[in-house]
Amino acid sequence: MKHGRKRIKKVVSGLQKASKTHAKQAKTLSSVLAGQPKKRKKSNAKK
């Protein structure tokens, strides 16, 4: 997915501005983002 991290960060910022329940969801999403690698590894395999 192109620009996936950017979209998720936008959702997280919106959730943090909402209620406490949504803030917990934002915390969960941000922890998922933290566990993911920032860049994908490119494979140079030729088919």
Protein backbone atom coordinates (compact mmCIF):
# COMPACT_ATOMS: atom_id res chain seq x y z
CA MET A 1 0.00 0.00 0.00
CA LYS A 2 1.47 3.29 -1.06
CA HIS A 3 1.59 5.93 1.69
CA GLY A 4 0.12 3.49 4.22
CA ARG A 5 2.07 4.78 7.20
CA LYS A 6 1.07 8.36 6.41
CA ARG A 7 -2.62 7.45 6.33
CA ILE A 8 -2.41 5.53 9.59
CA LYS A 9 -0.63 8.43 11.28
CA LYS A 10 -3.42 10.74 10.13
CA VAL A 11 -6.03 8.40 11.62
CA VAL A 12 -4.05 8.16 14.88
CA SER A 13 -3.90 11.94 15.21
CA GLY A 14 -7.66 12.18 14.68
CA LEU A 15 -8.36 9.46 17.22
CA GLN A 16 -6.18 11.16 19.83
CA LYS A 17 -8.27 14.32 19.54
CA ALA A 18 -11.48 12.36 20.18
CA SER A 19 -12.66 10.64 23.38
CA LYS A 20 -10.61 8.54 25.81
CA THR A 21 -11.79 5.31 24.17
CA HIS A 22 -10.53 6.51 20.83
CA ALA A 23 -7.26 7.60 22.40
CA LYS A 24 -6.68 3.99 23.48
CA GLN A 25 -7.31 2.86 19.90
CA ALA A 26 -4.80 5.45 18.73
CA LYS A 27 -2.25 4.13 21.19
CA THR A 28 -2.76 0.60 19.89
CA LEU A 29 -2.39 1.70 16.27
CA SER A 30 0.76 3.67 17.00
CA SER A 31 2.30 0.67 18.76
CA VAL A 32 1.57 -1.43 15.67
CA LEU A 33 3.30 1.19 13.53
CA ALA A 34 6.29 1.18 15.85
CA GLY A 35 6.68 -2.58 15.43
CA GLN A 36 6.70 -2.40 11.62
CA PRO A 37 9.84 -1.65 9.61
CA LYS A 38 9.86 1.86 8.18
CA LYS A 39 11.05 0.81 4.73
CA ARG A 40 10.45 -2.33 2.78
CA LYS A 41 13.36 -4.37 1.55
CA LYS A 42 13.61 -4.41 -2.22
CA SER A 43 14.17 -7.76 -3.80
CA ASN A 44 16.47 -7.77 -6.78
CA ALA A 45 15.37 -11.18 -7.97
CA LYS A 46 14.79 -11.42 -11.69
CA LYS A 47 11.88 -13.48 -12.94
